[in-house]
N, C-alpha and C. Protein backbone atom coordinates (compact mmCIF):
# COMPACT_ATOMS: atom_id res chain seq x y z
N MET A 1 0.75 -0.74 0.14
CA MET A 1 -0.06 -0.13 0.03
C MET A 1 0.93 1.05 0.02
N ALA A 2 0.86 2.68 -0.66
CA ALA A 2 1.37 3.18 -0.64
C ALA A 2 1.70 4.04 0.22
N ASP A 3 2.92 5.50 0.23
CA ASP A 3 3.49 5.18 1.63
C ASP A 3 2.68 6.81 1.49
N ILE A 4 2.65 7.41 2.32
CA ILE A 4 2.27 9.07 2.60
C ILE A 4 3.07 9.79 3.52
N PHE A 5 3.22 10.22 3.13
CA PHE A 5 4.06 11.17 4.64
C PHE A 5 2.93 13.00 4.18
N VAL A 6 2.63 13.08 6.16
CA VAL A 6 1.75 14.26 6.17
C VAL A 6 2.93 15.10 7.30
N VAL A 7 2.66 16.55 6.96
CA VAL A 7 3.15 17.83 6.91
C VAL A 7 2.42 18.69 7.46
N GLU A 8 2.42 18.30 9.29
CA GLU A 8 1.10 19.64 9.77
C GLU A 8 1.51 19.35 11.10
N ASP A 9 1.57 20.80 11.83
CA ASP A 9 1.27 21.37 13.05
C ASP A 9 0.93 20.92 13.72
N ASP A 10 -0.29 21.15 13.84
CA ASP A 10 -1.35 20.90 14.28
C ASP A 10 -1.56 19.85 14.78
N VAL A 11 -1.67 19.34 16.24
CA VAL A 11 -1.37 17.83 16.86
C VAL A 11 -3.23 17.12 16.25
N ASN A 12 -4.23 17.75 16.42
CA ASN A 12 -5.43 16.93 16.36
C ASN A 12 -5.62 16.98 15.09
N ILE A 13 -5.06 18.05 14.16
CA ILE A 13 -4.93 18.16 12.50
C ILE A 13 -4.79 16.74 11.97
N ARG A 14 -3.18 16.79 12.61
CA ARG A 14 -2.87 15.26 12.18
C ARG A 14 -2.53 13.97 12.62
N GLU A 15 -3.46 14.06 13.95
CA GLU A 15 -3.37 13.23 13.54
C GLU A 15 -4.82 12.51 13.55
N ILE A 16 -5.71 13.12 13.17
CA ILE A 16 -7.18 12.59 12.65
C ILE A 16 -6.74 12.40 10.96
N GLU A 17 -5.61 12.43 10.37
CA GLU A 17 -5.14 12.45 9.12
C GLU A 17 -4.22 10.90 9.72
N ARG A 18 -4.07 10.96 9.86
CA ARG A 18 -3.12 9.59 10.53
C ARG A 18 -4.12 8.38 10.70
N TYR A 19 -4.91 8.43 11.50
CA TYR A 19 -5.84 8.32 11.43
C TYR A 19 -7.30 7.52 10.54
N ALA A 20 -7.71 8.57 9.75
CA ALA A 20 -8.39 8.01 9.12
C ALA A 20 -7.63 7.35 7.49
N LEU A 21 -6.69 7.81 7.18
CA LEU A 21 -5.18 6.42 6.53
C LEU A 21 -4.58 5.46 6.66
N LYS A 22 -4.81 5.89 8.18
CA LYS A 22 -3.86 3.85 8.51
C LYS A 22 -5.16 3.26 8.20
N ASN A 23 -6.90 3.88 8.60
CA ASN A 23 -7.71 2.97 8.64
C ASN A 23 -8.34 1.92 7.31
N SER A 24 -7.40 3.57 5.88
CA SER A 24 -7.67 3.21 4.97
C SER A 24 -6.81 2.29 4.32
N GLY A 25 -5.93 1.69 5.38
CA GLY A 25 -4.38 1.08 4.55
C GLY A 25 -3.41 1.57 3.83
N TYR A 26 -3.47 2.68 4.12
CA TYR A 26 -2.00 3.17 3.69
C TYR A 26 -0.84 3.66 5.55
N GLU A 27 0.66 3.18 4.36
CA GLU A 27 1.56 3.32 5.62
C GLU A 27 1.09 5.60 5.61
N VAL A 28 1.46 5.55 6.98
CA VAL A 28 1.53 7.26 7.53
C VAL A 28 3.65 7.11 8.01
N GLU A 29 3.77 8.47 7.45
CA GLU A 29 5.09 9.53 8.28
C GLU A 29 4.17 10.47 8.38
N GLU A 30 4.55 11.73 9.96
CA GLU A 30 4.18 12.53 9.62
C GLU A 30 5.34 13.54 10.31
N PHE A 31 5.15 14.38 10.06
CA PHE A 31 6.41 15.31 10.07
C PHE A 31 5.31 17.32 10.59
N GLU A 32 6.49 17.86 11.51
CA GLU A 32 5.62 19.13 12.14
C GLU A 32 6.39 19.96 11.22
N CYS A 33 7.03 19.90 10.77
CA CYS A 33 7.84 20.95 9.48
C CYS A 33 8.93 21.26 8.66
N GLY A 34 9.32 21.22 8.28
CA GLY A 34 10.40 21.66 7.12
C GLY A 34 11.62 20.67 7.52
N ALA A 35 12.25 21.12 8.45
CA ALA A 35 13.46 20.87 7.89
C ALA A 35 13.91 18.95 8.60
N THR A 36 12.84 18.95 9.44
CA THR A 36 12.59 17.72 9.43
C THR A 36 11.90 16.16 8.31
N LEU A 37 10.91 17.17 7.72
CA LEU A 37 10.93 16.67 6.34
C LEU A 37 11.93 16.16 5.82
N PHE A 38 12.40 17.08 5.27
CA PHE A 38 13.81 17.11 4.16
C PHE A 38 14.25 16.00 4.48
N GLU A 39 14.80 16.02 6.15
CA GLU A 39 15.52 15.10 6.50
C GLU A 39 15.43 13.35 6.26
N ARG A 40 13.72 13.15 6.13
CA ARG A 40 13.47 11.68 6.24
C ARG A 40 13.32 12.00 4.21
N LEU A 41 13.40 12.15 4.03
CA LEU A 41 13.29 13.27 2.05
C LEU A 41 14.58 12.70 1.45
N GLU A 42 15.64 12.61 2.08
CA GLU A 42 16.94 12.36 1.95
C GLU A 42 17.00 10.78 1.66
N GLN A 43 16.49 10.31 2.65
CA GLN A 43 16.31 8.97 2.49
C GLN A 43 14.92 8.33 2.09
N LYS A 44 13.93 8.19 1.49
CA LYS A 44 13.00 7.81 1.46
C LYS A 44 11.90 8.87 0.56
N VAL A 45 11.09 8.29 -0.71
CA VAL A 45 10.50 8.98 -1.01
C VAL A 45 9.41 8.49 -0.85
N PRO A 46 8.05 9.77 -1.04
CA PRO A 46 7.24 9.12 -0.26
C PRO A 46 5.91 9.03 -1.92
N ASP A 47 4.82 8.03 -1.63
CA ASP A 47 3.91 7.70 -2.84
C ASP A 47 3.33 9.37 -2.92
N LEU A 48 2.93 9.91 -1.73
CA LEU A 48 1.75 11.34 -2.11
C LEU A 48 1.96 11.98 -0.18
N MET A 49 2.10 13.54 -0.78
CA MET A 49 2.51 13.98 0.00
C MET A 49 1.22 15.04 0.42
N ILE A 50 1.45 14.56 1.78
CA ILE A 50 -0.45 15.80 2.41
C ILE A 50 0.40 17.00 3.41
N LEU A 51 0.48 18.83 2.22
CA LEU A 51 1.38 19.70 2.46
C LEU A 51 0.67 20.46 3.56
N ASP A 52 0.97 20.88 4.80
CA ASP A 52 0.52 22.50 5.47
C ASP A 52 0.73 23.25 4.43
N ILE A 53 -0.07 24.54 4.35
CA ILE A 53 0.58 25.56 3.80
C ILE A 53 1.05 26.52 5.47
N MET A 54 0.21 26.75 6.31
CA MET A 54 0.97 27.20 7.74
C MET A 54 1.60 26.20 8.38
N LEU A 55 2.89 26.40 8.37
CA LEU A 55 3.80 25.65 9.16
C LEU A 55 4.45 26.70 10.06
N PRO A 56 5.06 26.38 11.13
CA PRO A 56 6.69 27.17 12.06
C PRO A 56 7.45 26.73 10.73
N GLY A 57 8.10 28.21 10.78
CA GLY A 57 9.52 27.99 9.65
C GLY A 57 9.61 28.69 8.68
N GLU A 58 9.43 27.47 7.91
CA GLU A 58 9.27 27.56 6.25
C GLU A 58 7.65 27.25 5.61
N ASP A 59 7.00 27.78 5.21
CA ASP A 59 5.14 28.13 4.64
C ASP A 59 5.61 26.67 4.08
N GLY A 60 4.00 25.80 3.62
CA GLY A 60 3.88 25.50 3.06
C GLY A 60 4.66 25.53 1.52
N LEU A 61 3.77 25.99 1.04
CA LEU A 61 4.61 27.01 -0.35
C LEU A 61 6.19 27.23 -0.20
N GLU A 62 6.80 27.15 0.16
CA GLU A 62 8.33 27.61 0.53
C GLU A 62 8.97 25.95 0.63
N ILE A 63 7.99 24.70 1.46
CA ILE A 63 8.01 23.13 0.88
C ILE A 63 7.92 22.71 -0.48
N LEU A 64 6.41 23.40 -0.77
CA LEU A 64 6.05 23.33 -1.62
C LEU A 64 7.57 23.41 -3.49
N THR A 65 7.99 24.53 -3.36
CA THR A 65 8.41 25.24 -4.44
C THR A 65 9.75 24.31 -4.66
N LYS A 66 10.70 23.73 -3.47
CA LYS A 66 11.80 22.70 -2.74
C LYS A 66 11.60 21.34 -3.11
N VAL A 67 10.50 21.10 -3.15
CA VAL A 67 10.15 19.67 -3.65
C VAL A 67 9.74 19.50 -5.29
N ARG A 68 9.50 20.67 -5.20
CA ARG A 68 9.41 20.12 -6.42
C ARG A 68 10.82 21.13 -7.71
N ALA A 69 11.87 20.80 -7.04
CA ALA A 69 12.51 21.71 -7.59
C ALA A 69 13.60 20.42 -7.78
N ASN A 70 13.32 19.49 -7.01
CA ASN A 70 15.13 18.30 -6.18
C ASN A 70 14.73 17.26 -7.05
N GLU A 71 15.54 16.22 -7.96
CA GLU A 71 15.04 15.34 -9.19
C GLU A 71 14.27 14.49 -8.38
N ARG A 72 14.29 14.22 -7.15
CA ARG A 72 14.65 13.20 -6.71
C ARG A 72 12.30 12.53 -6.45
N THR A 73 12.20 14.13 -6.30
CA THR A 73 11.39 14.43 -5.39
C THR A 73 10.12 15.27 -6.42
N ALA A 74 10.30 15.29 -7.70
CA ALA A 74 9.86 16.67 -8.28
C ALA A 74 7.87 15.96 -8.84
N GLN A 75 8.66 15.00 -9.02
CA GLN A 75 7.21 14.21 -9.38
C GLN A 75 5.85 13.04 -8.20
N VAL A 76 6.31 13.41 -7.18
CA VAL A 76 5.52 13.49 -5.40
C VAL A 76 4.13 14.07 -5.99
N PRO A 77 3.39 13.25 -5.93
CA PRO A 77 1.69 14.08 -6.09
C PRO A 77 1.25 14.68 -4.78
N ILE A 78 0.74 15.73 -4.50
CA ILE A 78 0.93 16.68 -3.62
C ILE A 78 -0.08 17.17 -2.83
N ILE A 79 -1.13 17.22 -1.97
CA ILE A 79 -2.20 17.88 -1.80
C ILE A 79 -2.17 19.28 -0.72
N MET A 80 -1.84 19.56 -0.59
CA MET A 80 -2.42 21.20 -0.04
C MET A 80 -2.97 21.07 1.16
N VAL A 81 -3.05 21.77 2.00
CA VAL A 81 -3.99 21.82 2.79
C VAL A 81 -4.40 23.06 3.16
N THR A 82 -5.19 23.88 3.86
CA THR A 82 -4.81 25.47 4.33
C THR A 82 -6.17 25.65 4.62
N ALA A 83 -6.34 26.36 5.57
CA ALA A 83 -7.05 27.30 6.05
C ALA A 83 -7.67 28.37 5.98
N LYS A 84 -7.33 29.00 5.03
CA LYS A 84 -7.50 30.19 4.20
C LYS A 84 -8.69 29.70 2.87
N THR A 85 -9.21 30.10 2.51
CA THR A 85 -10.04 30.58 1.51
C THR A 85 -10.19 31.23 0.61
N SER A 86 -9.71 31.78 0.24
CA SER A 86 -8.95 32.80 -0.68
C SER A 86 -8.07 32.09 -2.01
N GLU A 87 -8.64 32.76 -2.97
CA GLU A 87 -8.47 32.40 -4.65
C GLU A 87 -6.81 32.25 -4.27
N LEU A 88 -6.11 33.67 -4.29
CA LEU A 88 -5.41 34.15 -4.44
C LEU A 88 -4.18 32.09 -4.02
N ASP A 89 -4.39 32.17 -2.79
CA ASP A 89 -4.07 30.85 -2.56
C ASP A 89 -3.64 30.27 -2.67
N LYS A 90 -5.24 29.36 -2.98
CA LYS A 90 -4.83 28.10 -3.72
C LYS A 90 -4.02 28.86 -5.23
N VAL A 91 -4.68 29.44 -5.89
CA VAL A 91 -3.67 29.83 -7.27
C VAL A 91 -2.35 29.41 -7.02
N LYS A 92 -1.72 30.37 -5.95
CA LYS A 92 -0.39 29.78 -5.73
C LYS A 92 -0.10 28.56 -5.21
N GLY A 93 -0.28 27.91 -4.33
CA GLY A 93 0.24 26.90 -4.85
C GLY A 93 -0.34 26.21 -5.69
N LEU A 94 -1.20 25.83 -6.07
CA LEU A 94 -1.44 25.15 -7.75
C LEU A 94 -0.24 25.69 -8.68
N ASP A 95 -0.03 26.62 -8.76
CA ASP A 95 1.25 27.11 -10.02
C ASP A 95 2.26 26.42 -9.32
N LEU A 96 2.89 26.81 -8.44
CA LEU A 96 3.93 26.03 -7.87
C LEU A 96 4.11 24.09 -7.41
N GLY A 97 2.97 23.68 -7.88
CA GLY A 97 3.05 22.31 -8.68
C GLY A 97 2.18 21.62 -7.86
N ALA A 98 1.12 21.97 -6.86
CA ALA A 98 0.36 22.01 -5.87
C ALA A 98 -0.62 20.56 -6.87
N ASP A 99 -1.07 19.40 -6.99
CA ASP A 99 -1.87 18.52 -7.51
C ASP A 99 -3.39 18.56 -7.47
N ASP A 100 -3.77 18.89 -6.22
CA ASP A 100 -4.58 19.11 -5.21
C ASP A 100 -4.69 20.25 -3.91
N TYR A 101 -6.09 20.46 -4.01
CA TYR A 101 -5.55 21.45 -2.05
C TYR A 101 -7.14 20.86 -1.40
N LEU A 102 -7.50 20.62 -0.02
CA LEU A 102 -8.33 20.78 0.89
C LEU A 102 -8.37 22.00 1.46
N THR A 103 -9.80 21.84 2.06
CA THR A 103 -9.28 23.95 2.90
C THR A 103 -9.99 23.41 4.02
N LYS A 104 -9.67 23.13 5.02
CA LYS A 104 -10.08 23.40 5.99
C LYS A 104 -10.82 24.43 7.08
N PRO A 105 -12.20 23.64 7.18
CA PRO A 105 -12.39 22.62 8.32
C PRO A 105 -12.98 21.81 6.93
N PHE A 106 -11.72 19.94 7.01
CA PHE A 106 -12.02 19.00 5.30
C PHE A 106 -13.45 17.94 6.38
N GLY A 107 -13.73 17.08 5.72
CA GLY A 107 -14.16 15.72 6.35
C GLY A 107 -13.59 14.84 5.79
N VAL A 108 -13.66 13.55 6.65
CA VAL A 108 -12.78 12.16 6.64
C VAL A 108 -12.72 11.98 5.09
N MET A 109 -14.00 11.84 4.82
CA MET A 109 -14.38 10.79 3.10
C MET A 109 -13.58 11.41 2.11
N GLU A 110 -13.95 13.01 2.11
CA GLU A 110 -13.54 14.39 1.29
C GLU A 110 -11.77 14.07 1.61
N LEU A 111 -11.13 13.50 2.74
CA LEU A 111 -9.57 13.28 2.27
C LEU A 111 -9.05 12.13 1.54
N ILE A 112 -9.98 11.03 2.30
CA ILE A 112 -9.68 9.40 1.62
C ILE A 112 -10.22 9.88 0.13
N SER A 113 -11.05 10.69 -0.80
CA SER A 113 -11.17 10.42 -1.43
C SER A 113 -10.35 10.79 -3.06
N ARG A 114 -9.54 12.29 -2.00
CA ARG A 114 -8.65 13.04 -2.96
C ARG A 114 -7.22 12.77 -2.62
N VAL A 115 -6.90 11.26 -1.75
CA VAL A 115 -5.99 11.34 -1.73
C VAL A 115 -5.56 10.20 -3.29
N ARG A 116 -7.02 8.86 -2.57
CA ARG A 116 -7.52 7.68 -3.75
C ARG A 116 -7.45 8.04 -5.34
N ALA A 117 -8.06 9.65 -5.32
CA ALA A 117 -8.08 9.56 -6.94
C ALA A 117 -5.90 10.13 -8.02
N LEU A 118 -5.68 11.08 -6.41
CA LEU A 118 -4.82 10.95 -7.40
C LEU A 118 -4.25 10.32 -7.51
N LEU A 119 -3.42 9.71 -6.09
CA LEU A 119 -2.41 8.53 -5.90
C LEU A 119 -2.96 7.31 -7.71
N ARG A 120 -4.44 7.12 -7.73
CA ARG A 120 -4.98 6.60 -8.91
C ARG A 120 -4.68 7.65 -10.71
N ARG A 121 -4.13 8.40 -10.05
CA ARG A 121 -3.85 9.45 -12.03
C ARG A 121 -2.35 9.28 -11.41
N ALA A 122 -1.52 9.32 -10.76
CA ALA A 122 -0.22 9.56 -10.46
C ALA A 122 0.45 7.83 -11.38
N GLN A 123 -1.01 6.41 -10.59
CA GLN A 123 -0.07 5.19 -11.61
C GLN A 123 -0.45 5.68 -13.00
N ALA A 124 -1.80 6.01 -13.91
CA ALA A 124 -1.58 5.74 -14.59
C ALA A 124 -1.44 6.61 -15.64
N LYS A 125 -0.74 7.50 -14.99
CA LYS A 125 0.78 8.45 -15.81
C LYS A 125 1.09 8.24 -16.84
N PRO A 126 1.21 8.33 -17.83
CA PRO A 126 1.88 7.37 -19.24
C PRO A 126 3.16 8.05 -19.02
N GLN A 127 4.05 7.55 -19.20
CA GLN A 127 5.56 7.89 -19.46
C GLN A 127 6.26 8.40 -20.44
N VAL A 128 6.85 9.64 -19.89
CA VAL A 128 7.61 11.12 -21.57
C VAL A 128 8.82 10.68 -21.21
N ALA A 129 9.44 11.40 -22.75
CA ALA A 129 10.37 10.24 -23.09
C ALA A 129 11.19 11.86 -21.89
N SER A 130 12.20 11.19 -21.64
CA SER A 130 13.09 12.67 -20.81
C SER A 130 13.59 13.83 -21.13
N LYS A 131 13.66 14.43 -23.10
CA LYS A 131 13.35 15.32 -23.11
C LYS A 131 12.38 15.27 -25.09
N LEU A 132 12.00 16.65 -24.56
CA LEU A 132 11.06 17.33 -26.21
C LEU A 132 11.20 17.97 -26.22
N THR A 133 11.73 18.41 -27.75
CA THR A 133 12.30 19.08 -28.84
C THR A 133 11.06 20.42 -28.67
N TYR A 134 10.68 21.27 -29.27
CA TYR A 134 10.12 22.17 -30.76
C TYR A 134 10.46 23.36 -31.13
N GLY A 135 11.29 22.92 -31.87
CA GLY A 135 11.64 24.70 -32.86
C GLY A 135 13.55 24.27 -31.75
N ASP A 136 13.51 26.30 -31.03
CA ASP A 136 14.03 26.26 -30.34
C ASP A 136 14.26 25.84 -29.02
N ILE A 137 12.77 25.07 -28.41
CA ILE A 137 12.40 25.14 -27.10
C ILE A 137 12.46 23.92 -27.34
N VAL A 138 13.75 23.35 -25.58
CA VAL A 138 13.91 22.03 -25.28
C VAL A 138 12.91 22.09 -23.55
N VAL A 139 12.21 21.18 -23.75
CA VAL A 139 11.64 20.20 -22.46
C VAL A 139 11.87 19.07 -21.55
N ASP A 140 12.76 19.25 -20.21
CA ASP A 140 13.32 18.50 -19.99
C ASP A 140 13.14 17.17 -18.95
N ASN A 141 12.20 16.58 -19.12
CA ASN A 141 11.36 16.42 -17.66
C ASN A 141 11.89 15.56 -16.66
N ASP A 142 13.22 15.22 -16.56
CA ASP A 142 13.92 14.65 -15.94
C ASP A 142 13.98 15.61 -14.71
N ARG A 143 15.24 16.78 -15.24
CA ARG A 143 15.20 17.93 -14.74
C ARG A 143 14.29 19.13 -14.44
N HIS A 144 13.20 18.73 -14.91
CA HIS A 144 12.13 19.72 -14.15
C HIS A 144 12.70 21.31 -15.19
N ALA A 145 13.33 20.68 -16.39
CA ALA A 145 13.24 22.47 -16.68
C ALA A 145 13.38 22.50 -18.17
N ALA A 146 12.83 24.26 -18.99
CA ALA A 146 12.49 24.01 -20.03
C ALA A 146 14.43 25.62 -20.31
N TYR A 147 14.06 24.66 -21.80
CA TYR A 147 15.13 25.92 -22.51
C TYR A 147 14.67 26.35 -23.74
N VAL A 148 15.26 27.14 -23.58
CA VAL A 148 15.07 28.40 -25.34
C VAL A 148 16.66 29.02 -26.19
N CYS A 149 16.62 27.99 -26.59
CA CYS A 149 18.63 28.61 -27.73
C CYS A 149 19.49 28.48 -26.73
N GLY A 150 19.17 27.24 -26.06
CA GLY A 150 20.55 26.86 -24.93
C GLY A 150 20.03 27.63 -24.06
N GLU A 151 19.25 28.52 -23.46
CA GLU A 151 19.35 29.02 -22.99
C GLU A 151 18.06 29.10 -21.55
N VAL A 152 18.13 28.72 -20.35
CA VAL A 152 17.67 28.39 -19.15
C VAL A 152 15.72 29.15 -18.84
N CYS A 153 14.97 28.46 -19.04
CA CYS A 153 13.66 29.60 -19.48
C CYS A 153 12.69 29.42 -17.90
N GLU A 154 13.00 30.38 -17.06
CA GLU A 154 12.71 30.06 -15.15
C GLU A 154 10.57 30.06 -15.56
N LEU A 155 10.43 28.93 -15.96
CA LEU A 155 8.63 28.39 -15.96
C LEU A 155 8.42 28.35 -14.00
N THR A 156 7.42 28.29 -13.92
CA THR A 156 6.00 28.31 -12.67
C THR A 156 6.50 26.38 -13.40
N TYR A 157 6.24 25.23 -12.08
CA TYR A 157 5.53 24.36 -12.86
C TYR A 157 4.01 23.87 -13.29
N LYS A 158 3.10 24.86 -13.05
CA LYS A 158 2.49 24.59 -13.84
C LYS A 158 2.48 25.24 -15.86
N GLU A 159 3.31 25.96 -15.49
CA GLU A 159 3.48 27.04 -16.94
C GLU A 159 4.85 26.03 -17.33
N PHE A 160 5.02 25.08 -16.92
CA PHE A 160 6.50 23.28 -17.73
C PHE A 160 5.46 22.45 -17.98
N GLU A 161 4.21 21.99 -17.45
CA GLU A 161 3.41 21.21 -17.25
C GLU A 161 2.75 21.67 -19.11
N LEU A 162 2.05 22.57 -19.22
CA LEU A 162 1.34 23.16 -19.68
C LEU A 162 2.45 23.38 -21.60
N LEU A 163 3.51 24.19 -21.09
CA LEU A 163 4.53 23.97 -21.97
C LEU A 163 4.44 22.36 -22.71
N LYS A 164 4.32 21.48 -21.89
CA LYS A 164 4.73 20.15 -22.50
C LYS A 164 4.12 19.38 -22.73
N TYR A 165 2.90 18.83 -22.60
CA TYR A 165 1.72 19.25 -22.23
C TYR A 165 1.57 19.33 -24.39
N LEU A 166 1.16 20.75 -25.07
CA LEU A 166 1.85 21.20 -25.97
C LEU A 166 2.51 20.99 -26.52
N ILE A 167 3.74 21.00 -26.12
CA ILE A 167 4.70 19.63 -27.57
C ILE A 167 3.77 18.23 -27.24
N LEU A 168 3.60 17.89 -26.15
CA LEU A 168 3.07 15.93 -26.66
C LEU A 168 2.06 16.08 -27.25
N ASN A 169 1.29 17.35 -27.59
CA ASN A 169 -0.23 16.80 -28.75
C ASN A 169 0.66 18.11 -29.93
N LYS A 170 1.95 18.75 -29.97
CA LYS A 170 2.24 19.53 -31.07
C LYS A 170 1.21 19.24 -32.86
N GLY A 171 0.35 20.52 -33.25
CA GLY A 171 -0.23 20.20 -34.08
C GLY A 171 -2.09 20.01 -34.58
N ILE A 172 -1.79 19.39 -32.65
CA ILE A 172 -3.39 19.19 -32.89
C ILE A 172 -4.39 20.30 -31.72
N VAL A 173 -5.22 20.81 -31.65
CA VAL A 173 -5.90 21.47 -31.16
C VAL A 173 -6.54 21.30 -29.91
N LEU A 174 -5.95 21.76 -28.87
CA LEU A 174 -6.12 21.44 -27.45
C LEU A 174 -7.47 22.55 -27.11
N SER A 175 -8.96 21.88 -26.40
CA SER A 175 -9.34 22.99 -25.45
C SER A 175 -8.64 23.17 -24.63
N ARG A 176 -9.55 24.73 -24.13
CA ARG A 176 -8.81 24.93 -22.80
C ARG A 176 -9.55 23.57 -21.38
N ASN A 177 -10.61 23.49 -21.99
CA ASN A 177 -11.32 22.10 -20.46
C ASN A 177 -10.31 21.10 -20.65
N LYS A 178 -10.05 20.67 -22.40
CA LYS A 178 -8.78 19.49 -22.40
C LYS A 178 -7.77 19.89 -21.34
N ILE A 179 -7.05 20.91 -21.81
CA ILE A 179 -5.72 21.45 -21.27
C ILE A 179 -6.01 21.85 -19.30
N MET A 180 -7.55 21.41 -18.91
CA MET A 180 -7.52 22.18 -17.59
C MET A 180 -7.62 21.16 -17.43
N ASP A 181 -7.64 20.25 -17.49
CA ASP A 181 -7.94 18.88 -17.49
C ASP A 181 -6.80 17.64 -17.37
N GLN A 182 -6.25 17.74 -18.60
CA GLN A 182 -4.46 17.29 -18.45
C GLN A 182 -3.46 17.88 -17.63
N VAL A 183 -3.49 19.44 -17.37
CA VAL A 183 -1.93 20.21 -16.24
C VAL A 183 -2.86 20.34 -15.42
N TRP A 184 -4.16 20.27 -15.10
CA TRP A 184 -4.20 20.74 -13.54
C TRP A 184 -5.13 19.27 -12.92
N GLY A 185 -5.71 18.55 -13.61
CA GLY A 185 -5.69 17.48 -13.48
C GLY A 185 -6.94 17.15 -12.32
N PHE A 186 -7.56 18.39 -12.45
CA PHE A 186 -9.15 17.97 -11.34
C PHE A 186 -10.13 19.22 -11.78
N ASP A 187 -11.37 18.25 -11.57
CA ASP A 187 -12.18 20.23 -11.51
C ASP A 187 -11.09 21.09 -10.93
N TYR A 188 -10.78 22.19 -11.23
CA TYR A 188 -10.20 23.23 -10.45
C TYR A 188 -11.58 24.72 -10.21
N GLU A 189 -11.52 24.79 -9.69
CA GLU A 189 -12.72 25.64 -9.43
C GLU A 189 -12.56 27.19 -9.33
N GLY A 190 -11.28 27.48 -10.24
CA GLY A 190 -11.65 29.21 -10.25
C GLY A 190 -10.84 29.16 -10.87
N GLU A 191 -11.75 30.58 -12.10
CA GLU A 191 -11.77 31.32 -13.15
C GLU A 191 -10.68 31.13 -14.42
N SER A 192 -12.16 31.11 -15.47
CA SER A 192 -11.99 30.11 -16.34
C SER A 192 -11.48 31.35 -17.41
N ARG A 193 -10.98 31.91 -17.40
CA ARG A 193 -9.62 32.15 -17.61
C ARG A 193 -7.86 31.51 -17.70
N THR A 194 -8.46 31.23 -16.56
CA THR A 194 -6.75 29.70 -16.24
C THR A 194 -6.10 30.37 -16.63
N VAL A 195 -6.19 29.11 -17.90
CA VAL A 195 -5.84 28.53 -19.49
C VAL A 195 -5.08 29.65 -19.73
N ASP A 196 -6.53 30.44 -20.05
CA ASP A 196 -5.46 31.61 -21.36
C ASP A 196 -5.01 32.92 -20.72
N MET A 197 -4.82 33.18 -19.18
CA MET A 197 -3.75 33.98 -18.11
C MET A 197 -1.99 32.73 -18.56
N HIS A 198 -2.44 31.85 -18.18
CA HIS A 198 -1.48 30.91 -17.92
C HIS A 198 -0.79 30.97 -20.12
N ILE A 199 -1.74 30.55 -20.99
CA ILE A 199 -1.00 30.96 -22.11
C ILE A 199 0.26 32.17 -21.74
N LYS A 200 -0.45 33.43 -21.60
CA LYS A 200 -0.08 34.84 -21.73
C LYS A 200 1.40 34.74 -21.38
N THR A 201 1.45 34.24 -19.99
CA THR A 201 2.50 34.52 -19.43
C THR A 201 3.95 33.62 -20.07
N LEU A 202 3.02 32.07 -20.44
CA LEU A 202 4.44 31.04 -21.15
C LEU A 202 5.01 31.86 -22.60
N ARG A 203 3.73 32.51 -23.30
CA ARG A 203 4.36 32.69 -24.49
C ARG A 203 5.52 34.35 -23.96
N GLN A 204 5.17 34.52 -23.21
CA GLN A 204 6.37 35.90 -22.51
C GLN A 204 7.86 35.53 -21.98
N LYS A 205 7.36 34.68 -21.51
CA LYS A 205 8.87 34.13 -20.86
C LYS A 205 9.09 33.08 -22.00
N LEU A 206 8.80 32.60 -22.99
CA LEU A 206 9.20 32.17 -24.09
C LEU A 206 9.63 33.34 -24.89
N GLY A 207 9.91 34.05 -24.95
CA GLY A 207 9.75 35.18 -26.90
C GLY A 207 9.75 34.64 -27.33
N GLU A 208 11.10 35.49 -28.38
CA GLU A 208 10.16 35.28 -29.82
C GLU A 208 9.69 34.24 -29.90
N SER A 209 10.06 32.76 -29.50
CA SER A 209 9.85 31.44 -29.84
C SER A 209 8.84 30.96 -29.27
N GLY A 210 7.18 32.11 -28.20
CA GLY A 210 6.47 31.91 -27.44
C GLY A 210 5.12 31.94 -29.16
N SER A 211 5.70 32.27 -29.76
CA SER A 211 4.81 32.51 -30.75
C SER A 211 4.11 31.35 -31.28
N CYS A 212 4.91 30.19 -31.07
CA CYS A 212 4.56 29.40 -32.09
C CYS A 212 3.39 28.34 -31.06
N ILE A 213 2.71 29.40 -29.75
CA ILE A 213 1.60 28.60 -28.95
C ILE A 213 0.75 29.62 -30.15
N LYS A 214 -0.20 28.82 -30.90
CA LYS A 214 -1.24 29.52 -31.85
C LYS A 214 -2.53 29.34 -31.19
N THR A 215 -3.96 30.96 -30.50
CA THR A 215 -4.44 30.65 -30.18
C THR A 215 -5.86 30.05 -31.36
N VAL A 216 -6.10 29.24 -31.51
CA VAL A 216 -7.46 29.04 -32.19
C VAL A 216 -8.80 29.22 -31.66
N ARG A 217 -9.94 30.45 -32.27
CA ARG A 217 -10.79 30.87 -31.70
C ARG A 217 -11.54 29.92 -31.37
N ASN A 218 -12.50 30.96 -30.62
CA ASN A 218 -13.59 29.47 -29.61
C ASN A 218 -13.30 27.38 -29.24
N VAL A 219 -12.27 27.82 -29.43
CA VAL A 219 -11.95 26.13 -29.18
C VAL A 219 -10.62 26.42 -28.28
N GLY A 220 -9.77 27.00 -28.77
CA GLY A 220 -8.28 26.42 -27.44
C GLY A 220 -6.86 27.15 -28.20
N TYR A 221 -5.59 26.16 -28.10
CA TYR A 221 -4.22 26.33 -28.38
C TYR A 221 -4.26 25.13 -28.95
N MET A 222 -2.97 25.93 -29.75
CA MET A 222 -1.83 23.98 -29.94
C MET A 222 -0.68 24.98 -30.86
N ILE A 223 0.27 24.06 -30.13
CA ILE A 223 1.78 25.01 -31.07
C ILE A 223 1.22 24.19 -32.14
N SER A 224 2.47 25.51 -32.77
CA SER A 224 1.45 24.96 -34.61
C SER A 224 3.65 25.63 -35.12
C-alpha cells in the first residue's frame, strides 16, 4: 500500500489525518515542519504528500517549491491543506506544483477520496520521454527544466506542465477544458480564464519562440 507523508503542525489535525489514512490501509509518516521532512526525504520518497500551508519556519509553499525543484521528489503527488479560503492562495499553490488542495475544515471521507483519486492518476500517468523539443524549445522532463535557444527559461510548475503538454500534442488543437483536465488534473474551481492567463505568461517567457503557441478562436490552443 502507498506510503504517505503528512506535514502538519496541528497535533489534532495530524492525528485525524493519520487515523483516517491508516484505517484506509496506507502507511503514514508525520512531520511538524520542513526541516524534519527534508531529512526524511533524503532517505525515502513517498507515494504522496499531504502538506499544510501554515507551518512554523518554512511555510508550505516554500516547502512545495523545494520539493518540485529536486529531481528525486519532483513528481511526488501533493495535496495542499489550508485554512485560508482566498482564491489567491489556491492559485499560488497550484502554480507552484500542488496537484490538489483541501480547505480546513474538511471531512475524513473527502480526504480519503482525494488521496485515492490522486494516487490513481499518478499510477495511470503515461511515461514521457526525458527530453522533448520543438524548434528552439527544449523541455527536460527529468530535470523539470525548459530551455530556449540553449538558455534556461524560468517557468512555474504549471507553466512547465502546460508547455510539455502542448509539445506532446504538437499540431493538435486542444480545448481549454482538455488542457485544464490534463494539466491541472481535476475540476479546478478557478476562473475560466486560468488557461488563457497561463498561455499569456508562457508566451512572454518564451520570447520570440512563444509565437509557436497559436490561439484557435472559440476552441483553445495548439503548438504549430
